[in-house]
Protein backbone atom coordinates (compact mmCIF):
# COMPACT_ATOMS: atom_id res chain seq x y z
CA MET A 1 33.02 6.30 208.79
CA ASN A 2 30.73 9.77 208.18
CA SER A 3 29.37 9.26 204.59
CA THR A 4 27.41 11.88 202.88
CA PRO A 5 25.59 11.18 199.90
CA GLY A 6 27.32 12.07 196.55
CA ALA A 7 30.63 12.90 198.03
CA ALA A 8 33.44 12.89 196.18
CA PHE A 9 36.44 13.05 198.33
CA ILE A 10 37.52 10.38 200.64
CA LEU A 11 39.83 11.40 203.76
CA TYR A 12 41.43 8.18 205.30
CA GLY A 13 42.71 8.86 208.54
CA ARG A 14 42.95 8.70 212.38
CA ALA A 15 40.96 10.26 215.20
CA TRP A 16 44.28 11.05 216.77
CA CYS A 17 46.51 12.18 213.71
CA HIS A 18 47.31 15.96 213.51
CA LEU A 19 48.41 15.75 210.02
CA CYS A 20 44.96 14.22 209.28
CA GLU A 21 43.15 17.28 210.90
CA ASP A 22 45.72 19.55 209.20
CA MET A 23 44.55 18.21 205.44
CA ARG A 24 40.78 18.21 206.42
CA ALA A 25 41.24 22.05 206.90
CA GLU A 26 42.88 22.85 204.21
CA LEU A 27 40.74 20.33 202.13
CA ALA A 28 37.37 22.25 203.00
CA PRO A 29 37.64 25.07 201.67
CA LEU A 30 38.46 23.65 198.33
CA ALA A 31 35.76 21.14 198.22
CA ALA A 32 33.20 23.82 199.64
CA ARG A 33 34.22 25.71 196.41
CA HIS A 34 33.49 23.03 194.07
CA GLY A 35 30.36 21.78 195.65
CA LEU A 36 31.54 18.39 197.12
CA ALA A 37 31.69 17.04 200.40
CA ILE A 38 34.49 15.18 202.14
CA ASP A 39 33.71 11.38 203.76
CA TRP A 40 36.08 10.94 206.83
CA VAL A 41 36.69 7.56 207.43
CA ASP A 42 39.22 6.61 210.28
CA ILE A 43 40.94 3.80 209.54
CA ASP A 44 41.21 2.37 212.99
CA GLU A 45 37.36 1.28 212.77
CA ASP A 46 38.36 -1.00 209.84
CA PRO A 47 40.99 -4.02 210.08
CA ALA A 48 41.25 -4.09 206.31
CA LEU A 49 41.75 -0.23 206.40
CA GLU A 50 44.29 -0.20 208.77
CA ALA A 51 46.53 -2.47 207.12
CA ARG A 52 46.15 -1.11 203.95
CA TYR A 53 46.96 2.80 204.87
CA ASN A 54 48.49 2.14 208.97
CA GLU A 55 51.39 4.73 208.40
CA LEU A 56 50.44 6.27 205.41
CA VAL A 57 47.67 8.63 206.96
CA PRO A 58 46.14 11.42 205.79
CA VAL A 59 45.50 9.68 202.46
CA LEU A 60 42.58 11.62 200.33
CA ALA A 61 41.22 10.26 197.18
CA LEU A 62 38.89 11.57 194.77
CA ASP A 63 36.21 9.15 193.02
CA GLY A 64 38.25 6.37 193.84
CA VAL A 65 41.46 7.52 192.71
CA GLU A 66 44.06 8.64 195.40
CA LEU A 67 45.66 11.94 195.05
CA CYS A 68 48.00 12.35 197.99
CA ARG A 69 49.18 11.36 201.29
CA TYR A 70 50.70 13.00 204.71
CA ARG A 71 50.10 16.54 203.06
CA LEU A 72 47.33 18.01 200.64
CA ASP A 73 48.71 18.46 197.63
CA ALA A 74 46.77 21.06 196.08
CA ARG A 75 47.91 20.89 192.35
CA ALA A 76 47.04 17.19 192.01
CA VAL A 77 43.70 17.83 193.83
CA GLN A 78 43.19 20.64 191.69
CA ALA A 79 43.90 18.45 188.25
CA ALA A 80 41.91 15.81 189.65
CA LEU A 81 38.80 18.06 189.61
CA ASP A 82 39.92 20.38 185.99
CA ALA A 83 39.92 16.62 184.67
CA ARG A 84 36.82 15.43 186.36
CA SER A 85 34.55 18.79 185.05
CA ALA A 86 36.36 18.10 181.83
């Protein structure tokens, strides 16, 4: 896990997962625009996370709330960011 102090986004995935890399690349500019870091968590490094997420990756969470799986849902992410700043 690459932990960043104050990070709000957590992206659960696998090192070999192209969907995970795609989501990370799409999320990066949005996270930067809001001054938020992205913590990458490789589920294969934690048996409990691997059991929980296995074929569901990538999974994106903001402040502990799951926002989307497989592909970035920009509307869900924006709604969560808006709610967070309200």
